[in-house]
């Protein structure tokens, strides 16, 4: 886990400690979901089936090829995988770092 937090994240975490009721937490959860959708929509802009992308999960950056695009998720095949026995991973659009530039 990244131990160097942005100043914005530190401020949010400090403010979160002061929340003492469920209603306020529900507002935060709703806003969090909306922000994840916004980030995901921005990340998938310009991507299409067959593109090679990078995504991050748990601090690890992975690479794969898009095999299916859904509204909020994409299904990605591991980079260099053969059609037989390949692993398909479903990731939320917000996890996408970007499209990998393919050398010509």
N, C-alpha and C. Protein backbone atom coordinates (compact mmCIF):
# COMPACT_ATOMS: atom_id res chain seq x y z
N UNK A 1 0.84 -1.19 0.00
CA UNK A 1 0.00 0.00 0.00
C UNK A 1 0.88 1.24 0.00
N UNK A 2 0.48 2.24 -0.76
CA UNK A 2 1.23 3.48 -0.85
C UNK A 2 1.11 4.23 0.48
N UNK A 3 2.25 4.54 1.10
CA UNK A 3 2.22 5.25 2.38
C UNK A 3 2.40 6.74 2.21
N UNK A 4 2.63 7.21 0.99
CA UNK A 4 2.74 8.63 0.71
C UNK A 4 1.41 9.10 0.14
N UNK A 5 0.61 9.72 0.98
CA UNK A 5 -0.72 10.16 0.58
C UNK A 5 -0.68 11.60 0.09
N UNK A 6 -1.57 11.92 -0.84
CA UNK A 6 -1.69 13.29 -1.32
C UNK A 6 -2.29 14.15 -0.21
N UNK A 7 -2.04 15.46 -0.25
CA UNK A 7 -2.63 16.34 0.78
C UNK A 7 -4.16 16.27 0.77
N UNK A 8 -4.75 16.09 -0.43
CA UNK A 8 -6.20 15.99 -0.53
C UNK A 8 -6.72 14.76 0.21
N UNK A 9 -6.02 13.63 0.04
CA UNK A 9 -6.44 12.40 0.71
C UNK A 9 -6.29 12.53 2.22
N UNK A 10 -5.22 13.12 2.67
CA UNK A 10 -5.01 13.31 4.11
C UNK A 10 -6.15 14.16 4.69
N UNK A 11 -6.54 15.22 3.98
CA UNK A 11 -7.62 16.08 4.45
C UNK A 11 -8.94 15.30 4.53
N UNK A 12 -9.21 14.48 3.52
CA UNK A 12 -10.44 13.68 3.52
C UNK A 12 -10.44 12.68 4.68
N UNK A 13 -9.31 12.02 4.89
CA UNK A 13 -9.23 11.04 5.98
C UNK A 13 -9.42 11.70 7.34
N UNK A 14 -8.86 12.87 7.51
CA UNK A 14 -9.04 13.60 8.78
C UNK A 14 -10.50 14.01 8.96
N UNK A 15 -11.14 14.49 7.89
CA UNK A 15 -12.55 14.88 7.99
C UNK A 15 -13.43 13.66 8.26
N UNK A 16 -13.09 12.52 7.66
CA UNK A 16 -13.87 11.30 7.84
C UNK A 16 -13.88 10.85 9.31
N UNK A 17 -12.79 11.07 10.00
CA UNK A 17 -12.71 10.70 11.42
C UNK A 17 -13.75 11.44 12.27
N UNK A 18 -14.18 12.60 11.78
CA UNK A 18 -15.11 13.44 12.55
C UNK A 18 -16.57 13.09 12.29
N UNK A 19 -16.86 12.23 11.32
CA UNK A 19 -18.24 11.83 11.02
C UNK A 19 -18.74 10.92 12.14
N UNK A 20 -19.93 11.22 12.65
CA UNK A 20 -20.44 10.43 13.77
C UNK A 20 -21.87 9.93 13.57
N UNK A 21 -22.36 9.95 12.29
CA UNK A 21 -23.71 9.44 12.08
C UNK A 21 -23.83 8.78 10.70
N UNK A 22 -24.79 7.87 10.62
CA UNK A 22 -24.98 7.05 9.42
C UNK A 22 -25.43 7.89 8.22
N UNK A 23 -26.27 8.89 8.45
CA UNK A 23 -26.78 9.72 7.34
C UNK A 23 -25.63 10.40 6.59
N UNK A 24 -24.68 10.94 7.31
CA UNK A 24 -23.53 11.58 6.66
C UNK A 24 -22.68 10.55 5.91
N UNK A 25 -22.53 9.37 6.49
CA UNK A 25 -21.77 8.31 5.80
C UNK A 25 -22.46 7.88 4.52
N UNK A 26 -23.80 7.87 4.51
CA UNK A 26 -24.54 7.52 3.29
C UNK A 26 -24.30 8.54 2.19
N UNK A 27 -24.24 9.81 2.55
CA UNK A 27 -23.95 10.86 1.57
C UNK A 27 -22.55 10.66 1.00
N UNK A 28 -21.60 10.35 1.85
CA UNK A 28 -20.22 10.12 1.41
C UNK A 28 -20.16 8.91 0.48
N UNK A 29 -20.86 7.83 0.82
CA UNK A 29 -20.86 6.62 -0.01
C UNK A 29 -21.45 6.91 -1.39
N UNK A 30 -22.53 7.69 -1.43
CA UNK A 30 -23.14 8.04 -2.71
C UNK A 30 -22.18 8.88 -3.55
N UNK A 31 -21.54 9.85 -2.93
CA UNK A 31 -20.60 10.70 -3.66
C UNK A 31 -19.39 9.90 -4.14
N UNK A 32 -18.94 8.94 -3.33
CA UNK A 32 -17.82 8.07 -3.71
C UNK A 32 -18.19 7.27 -4.96
N UNK A 33 -19.40 6.70 -5.00
CA UNK A 33 -19.84 5.93 -6.17
C UNK A 33 -19.89 6.81 -7.40
N UNK A 34 -20.41 8.02 -7.27
CA UNK A 34 -20.49 8.94 -8.40
C UNK A 34 -19.10 9.32 -8.92
N UNK A 35 -18.17 9.53 -8.00
CA UNK A 35 -16.81 9.89 -8.39
C UNK A 35 -16.11 8.73 -9.10
N UNK A 36 -16.35 7.50 -8.63
CA UNK A 36 -15.78 6.32 -9.29
C UNK A 36 -16.32 6.21 -10.72
N UNK A 37 -17.60 6.47 -10.92
CA UNK A 37 -18.19 6.43 -12.26
C UNK A 37 -17.57 7.51 -13.14
N UNK A 38 -17.40 8.72 -12.59
CA UNK A 38 -16.79 9.81 -13.34
C UNK A 38 -15.36 9.46 -13.78
N UNK A 39 -14.57 8.93 -12.85
CA UNK A 39 -13.19 8.55 -13.15
C UNK A 39 -13.17 7.44 -14.20
N UNK A 40 -14.07 6.47 -14.05
CA UNK A 40 -14.14 5.36 -15.00
C UNK A 40 -14.53 5.80 -16.39
N UNK A 41 -15.50 6.70 -16.50
CA UNK A 41 -15.91 7.20 -17.81
C UNK A 41 -14.78 7.96 -18.48
N UNK A 42 -14.04 8.73 -17.69
CA UNK A 42 -12.92 9.48 -18.23
C UNK A 42 -11.81 8.53 -18.70
N UNK A 43 -11.57 7.48 -17.92
CA UNK A 43 -10.49 6.53 -18.24
C UNK A 43 -10.77 5.72 -19.50
N UNK A 44 -12.04 5.39 -19.75
CA UNK A 44 -12.34 4.53 -20.90
C UNK A 44 -12.59 5.30 -22.19
N UNK A 45 -12.57 6.62 -22.12
CA UNK A 45 -12.78 7.43 -23.31
C UNK A 45 -11.72 7.09 -24.36
N UNK A 46 -12.19 6.78 -25.56
CA UNK A 46 -11.28 6.49 -26.67
C UNK A 46 -10.81 5.05 -26.74
N UNK A 47 -11.20 4.21 -25.79
CA UNK A 47 -10.79 2.81 -25.80
C UNK A 47 -11.82 1.98 -26.56
N UNK A 48 -11.36 0.87 -27.12
CA UNK A 48 -12.25 -0.05 -27.84
C UNK A 48 -11.75 -1.47 -27.67
N UNK A 49 -12.60 -2.42 -28.04
CA UNK A 49 -12.25 -3.83 -27.97
C UNK A 49 -10.99 -4.05 -28.81
N UNK A 50 -10.03 -4.80 -28.25
CA UNK A 50 -8.78 -5.07 -28.94
C UNK A 50 -7.63 -4.18 -28.51
N UNK A 51 -7.92 -3.07 -27.83
CA UNK A 51 -6.86 -2.18 -27.34
C UNK A 51 -6.11 -2.83 -26.18
N UNK A 52 -4.82 -2.57 -26.10
CA UNK A 52 -4.01 -3.04 -24.98
C UNK A 52 -3.95 -1.91 -23.96
N UNK A 53 -4.28 -2.23 -22.71
CA UNK A 53 -4.34 -1.22 -21.66
C UNK A 53 -3.52 -1.66 -20.45
N UNK A 54 -3.27 -0.69 -19.58
CA UNK A 54 -2.69 -0.97 -18.27
C UNK A 54 -3.72 -0.58 -17.23
N UNK A 55 -3.74 -1.35 -16.14
CA UNK A 55 -4.62 -1.01 -15.02
C UNK A 55 -3.88 -1.33 -13.74
N UNK A 56 -4.35 -0.70 -12.66
CA UNK A 56 -3.70 -0.88 -11.36
C UNK A 56 -4.67 -1.50 -10.38
N UNK A 57 -4.18 -2.49 -9.65
CA UNK A 57 -4.96 -3.12 -8.60
C UNK A 57 -4.02 -3.45 -7.45
N UNK A 58 -4.30 -2.93 -6.29
CA UNK A 58 -3.49 -3.21 -5.11
C UNK A 58 -2.05 -2.76 -5.25
N UNK A 59 -1.83 -1.67 -6.01
CA UNK A 59 -0.49 -1.15 -6.18
C UNK A 59 0.31 -1.85 -7.27
N UNK A 60 -0.28 -2.85 -7.92
CA UNK A 60 0.40 -3.58 -8.99
C UNK A 60 -0.19 -3.17 -10.33
N UNK A 61 0.68 -2.80 -11.27
CA UNK A 61 0.23 -2.41 -12.60
C UNK A 61 0.27 -3.64 -13.50
N UNK A 62 -0.85 -3.91 -14.18
CA UNK A 62 -0.96 -5.06 -15.06
C UNK A 62 -1.30 -4.59 -16.46
N UNK A 63 -1.03 -5.43 -17.45
CA UNK A 63 -1.29 -5.11 -18.84
C UNK A 63 -2.14 -6.21 -19.45
N UNK A 64 -3.05 -5.83 -20.34
CA UNK A 64 -3.90 -6.81 -21.01
C UNK A 64 -4.63 -6.20 -22.18
N UNK A 65 -5.35 -7.05 -22.91
CA UNK A 65 -6.09 -6.63 -24.09
C UNK A 65 -7.59 -6.68 -23.80
N UNK A 66 -8.30 -5.63 -24.16
CA UNK A 66 -9.74 -5.57 -23.93
C UNK A 66 -10.44 -6.57 -24.83
N UNK A 67 -11.25 -7.46 -24.22
CA UNK A 67 -12.04 -8.43 -25.00
C UNK A 67 -13.53 -8.09 -24.97
N UNK A 68 -13.95 -7.30 -23.99
CA UNK A 68 -15.36 -6.89 -23.91
C UNK A 68 -15.45 -5.61 -23.10
N UNK A 69 -16.31 -4.70 -23.57
CA UNK A 69 -16.53 -3.44 -22.84
C UNK A 69 -17.97 -3.38 -22.38
N UNK A 70 -18.15 -3.10 -21.10
CA UNK A 70 -19.47 -2.92 -20.52
C UNK A 70 -19.60 -1.46 -20.08
N UNK A 71 -20.73 -1.11 -19.53
CA UNK A 71 -20.97 0.27 -19.13
C UNK A 71 -19.99 0.72 -18.04
N UNK A 72 -19.80 -0.09 -17.01
CA UNK A 72 -18.93 0.30 -15.90
C UNK A 72 -17.69 -0.57 -15.75
N UNK A 73 -17.57 -1.62 -16.55
CA UNK A 73 -16.43 -2.53 -16.45
C UNK A 73 -15.91 -2.89 -17.84
N UNK A 74 -14.69 -3.42 -17.87
CA UNK A 74 -14.14 -4.01 -19.08
C UNK A 74 -13.59 -5.38 -18.71
N UNK A 75 -13.63 -6.29 -19.67
CA UNK A 75 -13.02 -7.60 -19.48
C UNK A 75 -11.72 -7.61 -20.26
N UNK A 76 -10.64 -8.02 -19.59
CA UNK A 76 -9.31 -7.92 -20.15
C UNK A 76 -8.64 -9.28 -20.11
N UNK A 77 -7.99 -9.66 -21.24
CA UNK A 77 -7.19 -10.89 -21.30
C UNK A 77 -5.75 -10.52 -20.96
N UNK A 78 -5.09 -11.35 -20.20
CA UNK A 78 -3.69 -11.10 -19.83
C UNK A 78 -2.84 -10.90 -21.07
N UNK A 79 -1.88 -10.01 -20.98
CA UNK A 79 -0.98 -9.73 -22.10
C UNK A 79 -0.20 -10.98 -22.47
N UNK A 80 -0.11 -11.26 -23.77
CA UNK A 80 0.66 -12.39 -24.26
C UNK A 80 -0.01 -13.74 -24.09
N UNK A 81 -1.27 -13.76 -23.67
CA UNK A 81 -1.97 -15.02 -23.45
C UNK A 81 -2.45 -15.60 -24.77
N UNK A 82 -2.42 -16.92 -24.88
CA UNK A 82 -2.95 -17.58 -26.07
C UNK A 82 -4.47 -17.70 -25.91
N UNK A 83 -5.20 -17.95 -27.00
CA UNK A 83 -6.66 -18.08 -26.88
C UNK A 83 -7.08 -19.27 -26.01
N UNK A 84 -6.18 -20.22 -25.80
CA UNK A 84 -6.49 -21.42 -25.01
C UNK A 84 -5.90 -21.26 -23.63
N UNK A 85 -6.74 -21.27 -22.63
CA UNK A 85 -6.28 -21.17 -21.25
C UNK A 85 -5.95 -19.75 -20.81
N UNK A 86 -6.39 -18.75 -21.55
CA UNK A 86 -6.11 -17.39 -21.13
C UNK A 86 -7.01 -17.00 -19.96
N UNK A 87 -6.53 -16.09 -19.16
CA UNK A 87 -7.29 -15.62 -18.02
C UNK A 87 -7.96 -14.30 -18.38
N UNK A 88 -9.27 -14.23 -18.14
CA UNK A 88 -10.03 -13.00 -18.38
C UNK A 88 -10.30 -12.36 -17.01
N UNK A 89 -9.97 -11.08 -16.90
CA UNK A 89 -10.18 -10.35 -15.66
C UNK A 89 -11.18 -9.24 -15.92
N UNK A 90 -12.19 -9.13 -15.06
CA UNK A 90 -13.18 -8.05 -15.17
C UNK A 90 -12.75 -6.96 -14.21
N UNK A 91 -12.52 -5.77 -14.75
CA UNK A 91 -12.07 -4.65 -13.92
C UNK A 91 -13.02 -3.46 -14.07
N UNK A 92 -13.11 -2.67 -13.02
CA UNK A 92 -13.91 -1.44 -13.07
C UNK A 92 -13.14 -0.43 -13.93
N UNK A 93 -13.86 0.35 -14.71
CA UNK A 93 -13.24 1.33 -15.60
C UNK A 93 -12.31 2.29 -14.86
N UNK A 94 -12.59 2.57 -13.60
CA UNK A 94 -11.76 3.51 -12.84
C UNK A 94 -10.36 2.97 -12.56
N UNK A 95 -10.16 1.67 -12.74
CA UNK A 95 -8.84 1.06 -12.51
C UNK A 95 -7.91 1.23 -13.70
N UNK A 96 -8.44 1.66 -14.84
CA UNK A 96 -7.65 1.80 -16.05
C UNK A 96 -6.70 2.99 -15.91
N UNK A 97 -5.42 2.72 -16.18
CA UNK A 97 -4.41 3.79 -16.18
C UNK A 97 -4.36 4.44 -17.56
N UNK A 98 -4.39 3.61 -18.59
CA UNK A 98 -4.36 4.16 -19.94
C UNK A 98 -4.05 3.11 -20.97
N UNK A 99 -4.09 3.55 -22.21
CA UNK A 99 -3.82 2.69 -23.36
C UNK A 99 -2.30 2.55 -23.52
N UNK A 100 -1.86 1.34 -23.84
CA UNK A 100 -0.43 1.08 -24.05
C UNK A 100 -0.09 1.41 -25.50
N UNK A 101 0.97 2.18 -25.69
CA UNK A 101 1.42 2.51 -27.04
C UNK A 101 2.10 1.27 -27.62
N UNK A 102 1.61 0.82 -28.77
CA UNK A 102 2.17 -0.36 -29.41
C UNK A 102 3.24 0.09 -30.40
N UNK A 103 4.42 -0.53 -30.29
CA UNK A 103 5.54 -0.19 -31.19
C UNK A 103 5.21 -0.66 -32.59
N UNK A 104 5.46 0.17 -33.58
CA UNK A 104 5.15 -0.17 -34.98
C UNK A 104 6.24 -0.99 -35.62
